[in-house]
Amino acid sequence: MPSLRPPRPALLAAILLALSAAAAADTEAEFRLVIRNHRFEPTEFAVPAGQRVRLRVDNQDASPEEFESHGLNRETRIKGAAEATIWIGPLAPGRYPFFGDFHSATAQGAVIAR
């Protein structure tokens, strides 16, 4: 009959770390932003304050666009008919404007952290 012995502390710590990382990955918020006709859709959206979030930007225009935000400290070029993933946060509560650098007259929006 095999002997049952308690798991070693290092092994137990590794298992707990892997489980907590998996749980954190499941709770990450993801938001989708579309570029169409040189405009962002939606123009504003709310994200949870204090949490890192994934922003998937789908450029449905044929021409490239650049997602830019001074408040979010992000600048990402997105080719035409392509997608990009942009990580933002964790953010303090507030409004964070963004714009399309190549079409700044029409491509504007804001992230609102609540």
PDB file of N, CA and C in Angstrom:
ATOM      1  N   MET A   1       0.840  -1.165   0.000  1.00  0.00           N
ATOM      2  CA  MET A   1       0.000   0.000   0.000  1.00  0.00           C
ATOM      3  C   MET A   1       0.895   1.241   0.000  1.00  0.00           C
ATOM      4  N   PRO A   2       0.684   2.215  -0.925  1.00  0.00           N
ATOM      5  CA  PRO A   2       1.547   3.390  -0.971  1.00  0.00           C
ATOM      6  C   PRO A   2       1.312   4.270   0.248  1.00  0.00           C
ATOM      7  N   SER A   3       2.404   4.867   0.700  1.00  0.00           N
ATOM      8  CA  SER A   3       2.278   5.755   1.860  1.00  0.00           C
ATOM      9  C   SER A   3       1.816   7.134   1.401  1.00  0.00           C
ATOM     10  N   LEU A   4       0.949   7.725   2.180  1.00  0.00           N
ATOM     11  CA  LEU A   4       0.455   9.074   1.894  1.00  0.00           C
ATOM     12  C   LEU A   4       1.245  10.056   2.739  1.00  0.00           C
ATOM     13  N   ARG A   5       1.877  10.982   2.094  1.00  0.00           N
ATOM     14  CA  ARG A   5       2.626  11.989   2.840  1.00  0.00           C
ATOM     15  C   ARG A   5       2.166  13.358   2.364  1.00  0.00           C
ATOM     16  N   PRO A   6       2.233  14.336   3.212  1.00  0.00           N
ATOM     17  CA  PRO A   6       1.775  15.678   2.817  1.00  0.00           C
ATOM     18  C   PRO A   6       2.671  16.252   1.722  1.00  0.00           C
ATOM     19  N   PRO A   7       2.093  17.092   0.832  1.00  0.00           N
ATOM     20  CA  PRO A   7       2.908  17.679  -0.234  1.00  0.00           C
ATOM     21  C   PRO A   7       3.968  18.610   0.350  1.00  0.00           C
ATOM     22  N   ARG A   8       5.056  18.701  -0.352  1.00  0.00           N
ATOM     23  CA  ARG A   8       6.138  19.590   0.076  1.00  0.00           C
ATOM     24  C   ARG A   8       5.697  21.042  -0.085  1.00  0.00           C
ATOM     25  N   PRO A   9       6.168  21.952   0.779  1.00  0.00           N
ATOM     26  CA  PRO A   9       5.754  23.360   0.711  1.00  0.00           C
ATOM     27  C   PRO A   9       6.029  24.006  -0.643  1.00  0.00           C
ATOM     28  N   ALA A  10       7.148  23.707  -1.274  1.00  0.00           N
ATOM     29  CA  ALA A  10       7.475  24.316  -2.570  1.00  0.00           C
ATOM     30  C   ALA A  10       6.497  23.842  -3.649  1.00  0.00           C
ATOM     31  N   LEU A  11       6.151  22.566  -3.617  1.00  0.00           N
ATOM     32  CA  LEU A  11       5.194  22.036  -4.586  1.00  0.00           C
ATOM     33  C   LEU A  11       3.816  22.638  -4.353  1.00  0.00           C
ATOM     34  N   LEU A  12       3.408  22.742  -3.105  1.00  0.00           N
ATOM     35  CA  LEU A  12       2.117  23.337  -2.772  1.00  0.00           C
ATOM     36  C   LEU A  12       2.068  24.802  -3.209  1.00  0.00           C
ATOM     37  N   ALA A  13       3.138  25.535  -2.985  1.00  0.00           N
ATOM     38  CA  ALA A  13       3.199  26.947  -3.400  1.00  0.00           C
ATOM     39  C   ALA A  13       3.102  27.067  -4.919  1.00  0.00           C
ATOM     40  N   ALA A  14       3.763  26.198  -5.657  1.00  0.00           N
ATOM     41  CA  ALA A  14       3.716  26.238  -7.123  1.00  0.00           C
ATOM     42  C   ALA A  14       2.305  25.949  -7.628  1.00  0.00           C
ATOM     43  N   ILE A  15       1.639  24.992  -6.999  1.00  0.00           N
ATOM     44  CA  ILE A  15       0.267  24.660  -7.400  1.00  0.00           C
ATOM     45  C   ILE A  15      -0.659  25.838  -7.131  1.00  0.00           C
ATOM     46  N   LEU A  16      -0.545  26.443  -5.952  1.00  0.00           N
ATOM     47  CA  LEU A  16      -1.392  27.594  -5.614  1.00  0.00           C
ATOM     48  C   LEU A  16      -1.135  28.769  -6.543  1.00  0.00           C
ATOM     49  N   LEU A  17       0.110  29.005  -6.903  1.00  0.00           N
ATOM     50  CA  LEU A  17       0.447  30.093  -7.820  1.00  0.00           C
ATOM     51  C   LEU A  17      -0.166  29.845  -9.197  1.00  0.00           C
ATOM     52  N   ALA A  18      -0.090  28.628  -9.685  1.00  0.00           N
ATOM     53  CA  ALA A  18      -0.672  28.303 -10.994  1.00  0.00           C
ATOM     54  C   ALA A  18      -2.185  28.466 -10.969  1.00  0.00           C
ATOM     55  N   LEU A  19      -2.826  28.034  -9.903  1.00  0.00           N
ATOM     56  CA  LEU A  19      -4.273  28.181  -9.790  1.00  0.00           C
ATOM     57  C   LEU A  19      -4.695  29.645  -9.701  1.00  0.00           C
ATOM     58  N   SER A  20      -3.953  30.452  -8.957  1.00  0.00           N
ATOM     59  CA  SER A  20      -4.316  31.872  -8.850  1.00  0.00           C
ATOM     60  C   SER A  20      -4.078  32.599 -10.170  1.00  0.00           C
ATOM     61  N   ALA A  21      -3.056  32.235 -10.918  1.00  0.00           N
ATOM     62  CA  ALA A  21      -2.814  32.850 -12.227  1.00  0.00           C
ATOM     63  C   ALA A  21      -3.936  32.486 -13.191  1.00  0.00           C
ATOM     64  N   ALA A  22      -4.388  31.251 -13.139  1.00  0.00           N
ATOM     65  CA  ALA A  22      -5.492  30.828 -14.009  1.00  0.00           C
ATOM     66  C   ALA A  22      -6.772  31.566 -13.642  1.00  0.00           C
ATOM     67  N   ALA A  23      -7.024  31.733 -12.360  1.00  0.00           N
ATOM     68  CA  ALA A  23      -8.222  32.453 -11.921  1.00  0.00           C
ATOM     69  C   ALA A  23      -8.146  33.915 -12.338  1.00  0.00           C
ATOM     70  N   ALA A  24      -6.979  34.536 -12.234  1.00  0.00           N
ATOM     71  CA  ALA A  24      -6.818  35.940 -12.640  1.00  0.00           C
ATOM     72  C   ALA A  24      -7.038  36.086 -14.138  1.00  0.00           C
ATOM     73  N   ALA A  25      -6.564  35.139 -14.926  1.00  0.00           N
ATOM     74  CA  ALA A  25      -6.751  35.214 -16.380  1.00  0.00           C
ATOM     75  C   ALA A  25      -8.223  35.137 -16.734  1.00  0.00           C
ATOM     76  N   ASP A  26      -8.986  34.351 -15.976  1.00  0.00           N
ATOM     77  CA  ASP A  26     -10.407  34.227 -16.253  1.00  0.00           C
ATOM     78  C   ASP A  26     -11.187  35.496 -15.905  1.00  0.00           C
ATOM     79  N   THR A  27     -10.665  36.302 -14.982  1.00  0.00           N
ATOM     80  CA  THR A  27     -11.402  37.481 -14.544  1.00  0.00           C
ATOM     81  C   THR A  27     -10.950  38.761 -15.251  1.00  0.00           C
ATOM     82  N   GLU A  28      -9.966  38.683 -16.122  1.00  0.00           N
ATOM     83  CA  GLU A  28      -9.535  39.874 -16.848  1.00  0.00           C
ATOM     84  C   GLU A  28     -10.658  40.367 -17.740  1.00  0.00           C
ATOM     85  N   ALA A  29     -10.902  41.661 -17.661  1.00  0.00           N
ATOM     86  CA  ALA A  29     -11.954  42.258 -18.493  1.00  0.00           C
ATOM     87  C   ALA A  29     -11.411  42.482 -19.901  1.00  0.00           C
ATOM     88  N   GLU A  30     -12.267  42.263 -20.888  1.00  0.00           N
ATOM     89  CA  GLU A  30     -11.901  42.493 -22.279  1.00  0.00           C
ATOM     90  C   GLU A  30     -12.980  43.353 -22.927  1.00  0.00           C
ATOM     91  N   PHE A  31     -12.536  44.342 -23.692  1.00  0.00           N
ATOM     92  CA  PHE A  31     -13.435  45.250 -24.382  1.00  0.00           C
ATOM     93  C   PHE A  31     -13.057  45.293 -25.848  1.00  0.00           C
ATOM     94  N   ARG A  32     -14.066  45.498 -26.698  1.00  0.00           N
ATOM     95  CA  ARG A  32     -13.849  45.522 -28.148  1.00  0.00           C
ATOM     96  C   ARG A  32     -14.169  46.910 -28.671  1.00  0.00           C
ATOM     97  N   LEU A  33     -13.267  47.435 -29.466  1.00  0.00           N
ATOM     98  CA  LEU A  33     -13.414  48.737 -30.095  1.00  0.00           C
ATOM     99  C   LEU A  33     -13.248  48.530 -31.594  1.00  0.00           C
ATOM    100  N   VAL A  34     -14.162  49.079 -32.387  1.00  0.00           N
ATOM    101  CA  VAL A  34     -14.130  48.922 -33.840  1.00  0.00           C
ATOM    102  C   VAL A  34     -13.811  50.265 -34.474  1.00  0.00           C
ATOM    103  N   ILE A  35     -12.972  50.237 -35.496  1.00  0.00           N
ATOM    104  CA  ILE A  35     -12.722  51.420 -36.326  1.00  0.00           C
ATOM    105  C   ILE A  35     -13.440  51.169 -37.642  1.00  0.00           C
ATOM    106  N   ARG A  36     -14.397  52.049 -37.940  1.00  0.00           N
ATOM    107  CA  ARG A  36     -15.178  51.922 -39.166  1.00  0.00           C
ATOM    108  C   ARG A  36     -15.454  53.331 -39.678  1.00  0.00           C
ATOM    109  N   ASN A  37     -15.183  53.575 -40.969  1.00  0.00           N
ATOM    110  CA  ASN A  37     -15.373  54.907 -41.568  1.00  0.00           C
ATOM    111  C   ASN A  37     -14.613  55.987 -40.794  1.00  0.00           C
ATOM    112  N   HIS A  38     -13.412  55.631 -40.343  1.00  0.00           N
ATOM    113  CA  HIS A  38     -12.515  56.546 -39.627  1.00  0.00           C
ATOM    114  C   HIS A  38     -13.134  57.062 -38.329  1.00  0.00           C
ATOM    115  N   ARG A  39     -13.941  56.203 -37.680  1.00  0.00           N
ATOM    116  CA  ARG A  39     -14.552  56.530 -36.390  1.00  0.00           C
ATOM    117  C   ARG A  39     -14.417  55.320 -35.471  1.00  0.00           C
ATOM    118  N   PHE A  40     -14.341  55.608 -34.166  1.00  0.00           N
ATOM    119  CA  PHE A  40     -14.334  54.531 -33.178  1.00  0.00           C
ATOM    120  C   PHE A  40     -15.769  54.205 -32.781  1.00  0.00           C
ATOM    121  N   GLU A  41     -16.049  52.908 -32.620  1.00  0.00           N
ATOM    122  CA  GLU A  41     -17.359  52.449 -32.161  1.00  0.00           C
ATOM    123  C   GLU A  41     -17.132  51.424 -31.058  1.00  0.00           C
ATOM    124  N   PRO A  42     -17.618  51.634 -29.862  1.00  0.00           N
ATOM    125  CA  PRO A  42     -18.348  52.804 -29.396  1.00  0.00           C
ATOM    126  C   PRO A  42     -17.391  53.972 -29.158  1.00  0.00           C
ATOM    127  N   THR A  43     -17.937  55.158 -29.090  1.00  0.00           N
ATOM    128  CA  THR A  43     -17.087  56.329 -28.862  1.00  0.00           C
ATOM    129  C   THR A  43     -16.676  56.431 -27.399  1.00  0.00           C
ATOM    130  N   GLU A  44     -17.491  55.899 -26.495  1.00  0.00           N
ATOM    131  CA  GLU A  44     -17.146  55.861 -25.070  1.00  0.00           C
ATOM    132  C   GLU A  44     -17.547  54.510 -24.498  1.00  0.00           C
ATOM    133  N   PHE A  45     -16.755  54.025 -23.551  1.00  0.00           N
ATOM    134  CA  PHE A  45     -17.110  52.794 -22.853  1.00  0.00           C
ATOM    135  C   PHE A  45     -16.469  52.825 -21.472  1.00  0.00           C
ATOM    136  N   ALA A  46     -17.119  52.132 -20.541  1.00  0.00           N
ATOM    137  CA  ALA A  46     -16.667  52.114 -19.147  1.00  0.00           C
ATOM    138  C   ALA A  46     -15.879  50.840 -18.860  1.00  0.00           C
ATOM    139  N   VAL A  47     -14.820  50.996 -18.072  1.00  0.00           N
ATOM    140  CA  VAL A  47     -14.010  49.868 -17.622  1.00  0.00           C
ATOM    141  C   VAL A  47     -13.939  49.926 -16.096  1.00  0.00           C
ATOM    142  N   PRO A  48     -13.650  48.812 -15.459  1.00  0.00           N
ATOM    143  CA  PRO A  48     -13.528  48.838 -14.001  1.00  0.00           C
ATOM    144  C   PRO A  48     -12.240  49.550 -13.575  1.00  0.00           C
ATOM    145  N   ALA A  49     -12.388  50.512 -12.677  1.00  0.00           N
ATOM    146  CA  ALA A  49     -11.210  51.207 -12.145  1.00  0.00           C
ATOM    147  C   ALA A  49     -10.376  50.222 -11.330  1.00  0.00           C
ATOM    148  N   GLY A  50      -9.060  50.431 -11.346  1.00  0.00           N
ATOM    149  CA  GLY A  50      -8.167  49.601 -10.549  1.00  0.00           C
ATOM    150  C   GLY A  50      -7.892  48.229 -11.121  1.00  0.00           C
ATOM    151  N   GLN A  51      -8.302  47.985 -12.338  1.00  0.00           N
ATOM    152  CA  GLN A  51      -8.116  46.665 -12.951  1.00  0.00           C
ATOM    153  C   GLN A  51      -7.482  46.820 -14.328  1.00  0.00           C
ATOM    154  N   ARG A  52      -6.526  45.984 -14.628  1.00  0.00           N
ATOM    155  CA  ARG A  52      -5.926  45.957 -15.961  1.00  0.00           C
ATOM    156  C   ARG A  52      -6.923  45.320 -16.914  1.00  0.00           C
ATOM    157  N   VAL A  53      -7.107  45.918 -18.085  1.00  0.00           N
ATOM    158  CA  VAL A  53      -8.068  45.385 -19.051  1.00  0.00           C
ATOM    159  C   VAL A  53      -7.429  45.257 -20.432  1.00  0.00           C
ATOM    160  N   ARG A  54      -7.997  44.355 -21.191  1.00  0.00           N
ATOM    161  CA  ARG A  54      -7.544  44.110 -22.560  1.00  0.00           C
ATOM    162  C   ARG A  54      -8.511  44.813 -23.501  1.00  0.00           C
ATOM    163  N   LEU A  55      -7.954  45.598 -24.391  1.00  0.00           N
ATOM    164  CA  LEU A  55      -8.749  46.295 -25.392  1.00  0.00           C
ATOM    165  C   LEU A  55      -8.400  45.702 -26.745  1.00  0.00           C
ATOM    166  N   ARG A  56      -9.380  45.099 -27.393  1.00  0.00           N
ATOM    167  CA  ARG A  56      -9.181  44.558 -28.743  1.00  0.00           C
ATOM    168  C   ARG A  56      -9.712  45.590 -29.723  1.00  0.00           C
ATOM    169  N   VAL A  57      -8.829  46.060 -30.587  1.00  0.00           N
ATOM    170  CA  VAL A  57      -9.200  47.089 -31.561  1.00  0.00           C
ATOM    171  C   VAL A  57      -9.233  46.439 -32.937  1.00  0.00           C
ATOM    172  N   ASP A  58     -10.406  46.485 -33.564  1.00  0.00           N
ATOM    173  CA  ASP A  58     -10.635  45.878 -34.874  1.00  0.00           C
ATOM    174  C   ASP A  58     -10.766  46.996 -35.902  1.00  0.00           C
ATOM    175  N   ASN A  59      -9.736  47.182 -36.714  1.00  0.00           N
ATOM    176  CA  ASN A  59      -9.768  48.208 -37.753  1.00  0.00           C
ATOM    177  C   ASN A  59     -10.418  47.611 -38.999  1.00  0.00           C
ATOM    178  N   GLN A  60     -11.670  47.974 -39.231  1.00  0.00           N
ATOM    179  CA  GLN A  60     -12.395  47.451 -40.382  1.00  0.00           C
ATOM    180  C   GLN A  60     -12.216  48.329 -41.617  1.00  0.00           C
ATOM    181  N   ASP A  61     -11.513  49.443 -41.491  1.00  0.00           N
ATOM    182  CA  ASP A  61     -11.199  50.282 -42.649  1.00  0.00           C
ATOM    183  C   ASP A  61     -10.038  49.667 -43.423  1.00  0.00           C
ATOM    184  N   ALA A  62      -9.923  50.025 -44.676  1.00  0.00           N
ATOM    185  CA  ALA A  62      -8.817  49.529 -45.503  1.00  0.00           C
ATOM    186  C   ALA A  62      -7.500  50.229 -45.160  1.00  0.00           C
ATOM    187  N   SER A  63      -7.585  51.448 -44.650  1.00  0.00           N
ATOM    188  CA  SER A  63      -6.382  52.220 -44.333  1.00  0.00           C
ATOM    189  C   SER A  63      -5.988  52.040 -42.864  1.00  0.00           C
ATOM    190  N   PRO A  64      -4.717  52.244 -42.550  1.00  0.00           N
ATOM    191  CA  PRO A  64      -4.279  52.101 -41.164  1.00  0.00           C
ATOM    192  C   PRO A  64      -4.803  53.242 -40.289  1.00  0.00           C
ATOM    193  N   GLU A  65      -4.805  52.995 -39.002  1.00  0.00           N
ATOM    194  CA  GLU A  65      -5.149  54.013 -38.013  1.00  0.00           C
ATOM    195  C   GLU A  65      -4.223  53.832 -36.820  1.00  0.00           C
ATOM    196  N   GLU A  66      -4.075  54.887 -36.059  1.00  0.00           N
ATOM    197  CA  GLU A  66      -3.235  54.813 -34.869  1.00  0.00           C
ATOM    198  C   GLU A  66      -4.068  55.165 -33.656  1.00  0.00           C
ATOM    199  N   PHE A  67      -4.231  54.212 -32.752  1.00  0.00           N
ATOM    200  CA  PHE A  67      -4.910  54.461 -31.485  1.00  0.00           C
ATOM    201  C   PHE A  67      -3.924  55.207 -30.610  1.00  0.00           C
ATOM    202  N   GLU A  68      -4.300  56.405 -30.181  1.00  0.00           N
ATOM    203  CA  GLU A  68      -3.388  57.207 -29.360  1.00  0.00           C
ATOM    204  C   GLU A  68      -4.135  57.828 -28.194  1.00  0.00           C
ATOM    205  N   SER A  69      -3.494  57.801 -27.034  1.00  0.00           N
ATOM    206  CA  SER A  69      -4.047  58.427 -25.843  1.00  0.00           C
ATOM    207  C   SER A  69      -2.910  58.868 -24.943  1.00  0.00           C
ATOM    208  N   HIS A  70      -2.885  60.154 -24.658  1.00  0.00           N
ATOM    209  CA  HIS A  70      -1.862  60.673 -23.750  1.00  0.00           C
ATOM    210  C   HIS A  70      -2.159  60.234 -22.318  1.00  0.00           C
ATOM    211  N   GLY A  71      -3.447  60.262 -21.929  1.00  0.00           N
ATOM    212  CA  GLY A  71      -3.840  59.863 -20.579  1.00  0.00           C
ATOM    213  C   GLY A  71      -3.607  58.397 -20.288  1.00  0.00           C
ATOM    214  N   LEU A  72      -3.767  57.561 -21.303  1.00  0.00           N
ATOM    215  CA  LEU A  72      -3.530  56.122 -21.153  1.00  0.00           C
ATOM    216  C   LEU A  72      -2.078  55.750 -21.438  1.00  0.00           C
ATOM    217  N   ASN A  73      -1.322  56.710 -21.952  1.00  0.00           N
ATOM    218  CA  ASN A  73       0.077  56.486 -22.321  1.00  0.00           C
ATOM    219  C   ASN A  73       0.201  55.329 -23.323  1.00  0.00           C
ATOM    220  N   ARG A  74      -0.624  55.405 -24.375  1.00  0.00           N
ATOM    221  CA  ARG A  74      -0.618  54.370 -25.411  1.00  0.00           C
ATOM    222  C   ARG A  74      -0.594  54.997 -26.791  1.00  0.00           C
ATOM    223  N   GLU A  75       0.124  54.344 -27.690  1.00  0.00           N
ATOM    224  CA  GLU A  75       0.195  54.741 -29.099  1.00  0.00           C
ATOM    225  C   GLU A  75       0.452  53.460 -29.896  1.00  0.00           C
ATOM    226  N   THR A  76      -0.573  53.006 -30.602  1.00  0.00           N
ATOM    227  CA  THR A  76      -0.475  51.744 -31.321  1.00  0.00           C
ATOM    228  C   THR A  76      -1.020  51.895 -32.729  1.00  0.00           C
ATOM    229  N   ARG A  77      -0.204  51.548 -33.705  1.00  0.00           N
ATOM    230  CA  ARG A  77      -0.627  51.597 -35.106  1.00  0.00           C
ATOM    231  C   ARG A  77      -1.318  50.278 -35.443  1.00  0.00           C
ATOM    232  N   ILE A  78      -2.475  50.384 -36.102  1.00  0.00           N
ATOM    233  CA  ILE A  78      -3.249  49.212 -36.483  1.00  0.00           C
ATOM    234  C   ILE A  78      -3.421  49.233 -37.996  1.00  0.00           C
ATOM    235  N   LYS A  79      -2.895  48.244 -38.675  1.00  0.00           N
ATOM    236  CA  LYS A  79      -3.011  48.167 -40.131  1.00  0.00           C
ATOM    237  C   LYS A  79      -4.474  48.087 -40.542  1.00  0.00           C
ATOM    238  N   GLY A  80      -4.745  48.433 -41.798  1.00  0.00           N
ATOM    239  CA  GLY A  80      -6.096  48.290 -42.329  1.00  0.00           C
ATOM    240  C   GLY A  80      -6.521  46.832 -42.329  1.00  0.00           C
ATOM    241  N   ALA A  81      -7.787  46.592 -42.031  1.00  0.00           N
ATOM    242  CA  ALA A  81      -8.354  45.241 -41.988  1.00  0.00           C
ATOM    243  C   ALA A  81      -7.558  44.327 -41.055  1.00  0.00           C
ATOM    244  N   ALA A  82      -7.184  44.869 -39.889  1.00  0.00           N
ATOM    245  CA  ALA A  82      -6.402  44.094 -38.926  1.00  0.00           C
ATOM    246  C   ALA A  82      -6.877  44.411 -37.509  1.00  0.00           C
ATOM    247  N   GLU A  83      -6.435  43.592 -36.575  1.00  0.00           N
ATOM    248  CA  GLU A  83      -6.764  43.787 -35.165  1.00  0.00           C
ATOM    249  C   GLU A  83      -5.494  43.964 -34.364  1.00  0.00           C
ATOM    250  N   ALA A  84      -5.652  44.635 -33.217  1.00  0.00           N
ATOM    251  CA  ALA A  84      -4.546  44.801 -32.283  1.00  0.00           C
ATOM    252  C   ALA A  84      -5.093  44.647 -30.870  1.00  0.00           C
ATOM    253  N   THR A  85      -4.242  44.183 -29.979  1.00  0.00           N
ATOM    254  CA  THR A  85      -4.586  44.099 -28.568  1.00  0.00           C
ATOM    255  C   THR A  85      -3.779  45.150 -27.832  1.00  0.00           C
ATOM    256  N   ILE A  86      -4.484  45.952 -27.028  1.00  0.00           N
ATOM    257  CA  ILE A  86      -3.842  47.007 -26.247  1.00  0.00           C
ATOM    258  C   ILE A  86      -4.230  46.792 -24.789  1.00  0.00           C
ATOM    259  N   TRP A  87      -3.242  46.689 -23.920  1.00  0.00           N
ATOM    260  CA  TRP A  87      -3.503  46.554 -22.487  1.00  0.00           C
ATOM    261  C   TRP A  87      -3.521  47.939 -21.868  1.00  0.00           C
ATOM    262  N   ILE A  88      -4.531  48.210 -21.055  1.00  0.00           N
ATOM    263  CA  ILE A  88      -4.608  49.489 -20.354  1.00  0.00           C
ATOM    264  C   ILE A  88      -4.896  49.226 -18.881  1.00  0.00           C
ATOM    265  N   GLY A  89      -4.471  50.170 -18.058  1.00  0.00           N
ATOM    266  CA  GLY A  89      -4.751  50.091 -16.632  1.00  0.00           C
ATOM    267  C   GLY A  89      -3.656  49.376 -15.876  1.00  0.00           C
ATOM    268  N   PRO A  90      -3.930  49.244 -14.577  1.00  0.00           N
ATOM    269  CA  PRO A  90      -5.122  49.670 -13.859  1.00  0.00           C
ATOM    270  C   PRO A  90      -5.233  51.195 -13.828  1.00  0.00           C
ATOM    271  N   LEU A  91      -6.475  51.679 -13.949  1.00  0.00           N
ATOM    272  CA  LEU A  91      -6.732  53.113 -14.038  1.00  0.00           C
ATOM    273  C   LEU A  91      -7.431  53.625 -12.787  1.00  0.00           C
ATOM    274  N   ALA A  92      -7.094  54.847 -12.425  1.00  0.00           N
ATOM    275  CA  ALA A  92      -7.837  55.545 -11.377  1.00  0.00           C
ATOM    276  C   ALA A  92      -9.174  55.969 -11.986  1.00  0.00           C
ATOM    277  N   PRO A  93     -10.218  56.126 -11.177  1.00  0.00           N
ATOM    278  CA  PRO A  93     -11.488  56.595 -11.738  1.00  0.00           C
ATOM    279  C   PRO A  93     -11.299  57.900 -12.503  1.00  0.00           C
ATOM    280  N   GLY A  94     -11.936  57.988 -13.652  1.00  0.00           N
ATOM    281  CA  GLY A  94     -11.819  59.194 -14.475  1.00  0.00           C
ATOM    282  C   GLY A  94     -12.111  58.912 -15.931  1.00  0.00           C
ATOM    283  N   ARG A  95     -11.943  59.963 -16.730  1.00  0.00           N
ATOM    284  CA  ARG A  95     -12.198  59.902 -18.175  1.00  0.00           C
ATOM    285  C   ARG A  95     -10.863  60.018 -18.897  1.00  0.00           C
ATOM    286  N   TYR A  96     -10.608  59.113 -19.836  1.00  0.00           N
ATOM    287  CA  TYR A  96      -9.346  59.050 -20.563  1.00  0.00           C
ATOM    288  C   TYR A  96      -9.624  59.135 -22.067  1.00  0.00           C
ATOM    289  N   PRO A  97      -9.480  60.314 -22.661  1.00  0.00           N
ATOM    290  CA  PRO A  97      -9.730  60.455 -24.098  1.00  0.00           C
ATOM    291  C   PRO A  97      -8.700  59.694 -24.940  1.00  0.00           C
ATOM    292  N   PHE A  98      -9.136  59.255 -26.117  1.00  0.00           N
ATOM    293  CA  PHE A  98      -8.237  58.668 -27.113  1.00  0.00           C
ATOM    294  C   PHE A  98      -8.663  59.174 -28.479  1.00  0.00           C
ATOM    295  N   PHE A  99      -7.771  59.032 -29.456  1.00  0.00           N
ATOM    296  CA  PHE A  99      -8.073  59.499 -30.808  1.00  0.00           C
ATOM    297  C   PHE A  99      -7.289  58.685 -31.813  1.00  0.00           C
ATOM    298  N   GLY A 100      -7.734  58.760 -33.059  1.00  0.00           N
ATOM    299  CA  GLY A 100      -7.005  58.147 -34.161  1.00  0.00           C
ATOM    300  C   GLY A 100      -6.077  59.207 -34.737  1.00  0.00           C
ATOM    301  N   ASP A 101      -4.807  58.986 -34.635  1.00  0.00           N
ATOM    302  CA  ASP A 101      -3.837  60.006 -35.052  1.00  0.00           C
ATOM    303  C   ASP A 101      -3.922  60.322 -36.540  1.00  0.00           C
ATOM    304  N   PHE A 102      -4.343  59.355 -37.373  1.00  0.00           N
ATOM    305  CA  PHE A 102      -4.405  59.596 -38.818  1.00  0.00           C
ATOM    306  C   PHE A 102      -5.711  60.261 -39.256  1.00  0.00           C
ATOM    307  N   HIS A 103      -6.734  60.196 -38.409  1.00  0.00           N
ATOM    308  CA  HIS A 103      -8.045  60.798 -38.720  1.00  0.00           C
ATOM    309  C   HIS A 103      -8.607  61.444 -37.455  1.00  0.00           C
ATOM    310  N   SER A 104      -7.845  62.335 -36.868  1.00  0.00           N
ATOM    311  CA  SER A 104      -8.198  62.889 -35.556  1.00  0.00           C
ATOM    312  C   SER A 104      -9.467  63.739 -35.570  1.00  0.00           C
ATOM    313  N   ALA A 105      -9.903  64.211 -36.734  1.00  0.00           N
ATOM    314  CA  ALA A 105     -11.141  65.002 -36.795  1.00  0.00           C
ATOM    315  C   ALA A 105     -12.375  64.132 -36.548  1.00  0.00           C
ATOM    316  N   THR A 106     -12.311  62.859 -36.890  1.00  0.00           N
ATOM    317  CA  THR A 106     -13.477  61.984 -36.741  1.00  0.00           C
ATOM    318  C   THR A 106     -13.264  60.833 -35.759  1.00  0.00           C
ATOM    319  N   ALA A 107     -12.052  60.338 -35.656  1.00  0.00           N
ATOM    320  CA  ALA A 107     -11.778  59.177 -34.803  1.00  0.00           C
ATOM    321  C   ALA A 107     -11.428  59.643 -33.391  1.00  0.00           C
ATOM    322  N   GLN A 108     -12.444  59.755 -32.550  1.00  0.00           N
ATOM    323  CA  GLN A 108     -12.248  60.212 -31.168  1.00  0.00           C
ATOM    324  C   GLN A 108     -13.119  59.400 -30.239  1.00  0.00           C
ATOM    325  N   GLY A 109     -12.690  59.279 -29.011  1.00  0.00           N
ATOM    326  CA  GLY A 109     -13.462  58.541 -28.019  1.00  0.00           C
ATOM    327  C   GLY A 109     -12.869  58.698 -26.641  1.00  0.00           C
ATOM    328  N   ALA A 110     -13.418  57.941 -25.700  1.00  0.00           N
ATOM    329  CA  ALA A 110     -12.930  58.006 -24.316  1.00  0.00           C
ATOM    330  C   ALA A 110     -13.205  56.707 -23.581  1.00  0.00           C
ATOM    331  N   VAL A 111     -12.279  56.355 -22.702  1.00  0.00           N
ATOM    332  CA  VAL A 111     -12.439  55.269 -21.763  1.00  0.00           C
ATOM    333  C   VAL A 111     -12.825  55.923 -20.437  1.00  0.00           C
ATOM    334  N   ILE A 112     -13.860  55.394 -19.798  1.00  0.00           N
ATOM    335  CA  ILE A 112     -14.286  55.930 -18.509  1.00  0.00           C
ATOM    336  C   ILE A 112     -14.062  54.835 -17.463  1.00  0.00           C
ATOM    337  N   ALA A 113     -13.154  55.099 -16.529  1.00  0.00           N
ATOM    338  CA  ALA A 113     -12.869  54.143 -15.467  1.00  0.00           C
ATOM    339  C   ALA A 113     -13.774  54.445 -14.283  1.00  0.00           C
ATOM    340  N   ARG A 114     -14.534  53.431 -13.859  1.00  0.00           N
ATOM    341  CA  ARG A 114     -15.464  53.582 -12.715  1.00  0.00           C
ATOM    342  C   ARG A 114     -15.141  52.562 -11.650  1.00  0.00           C
TER     343      ARG A 114
END
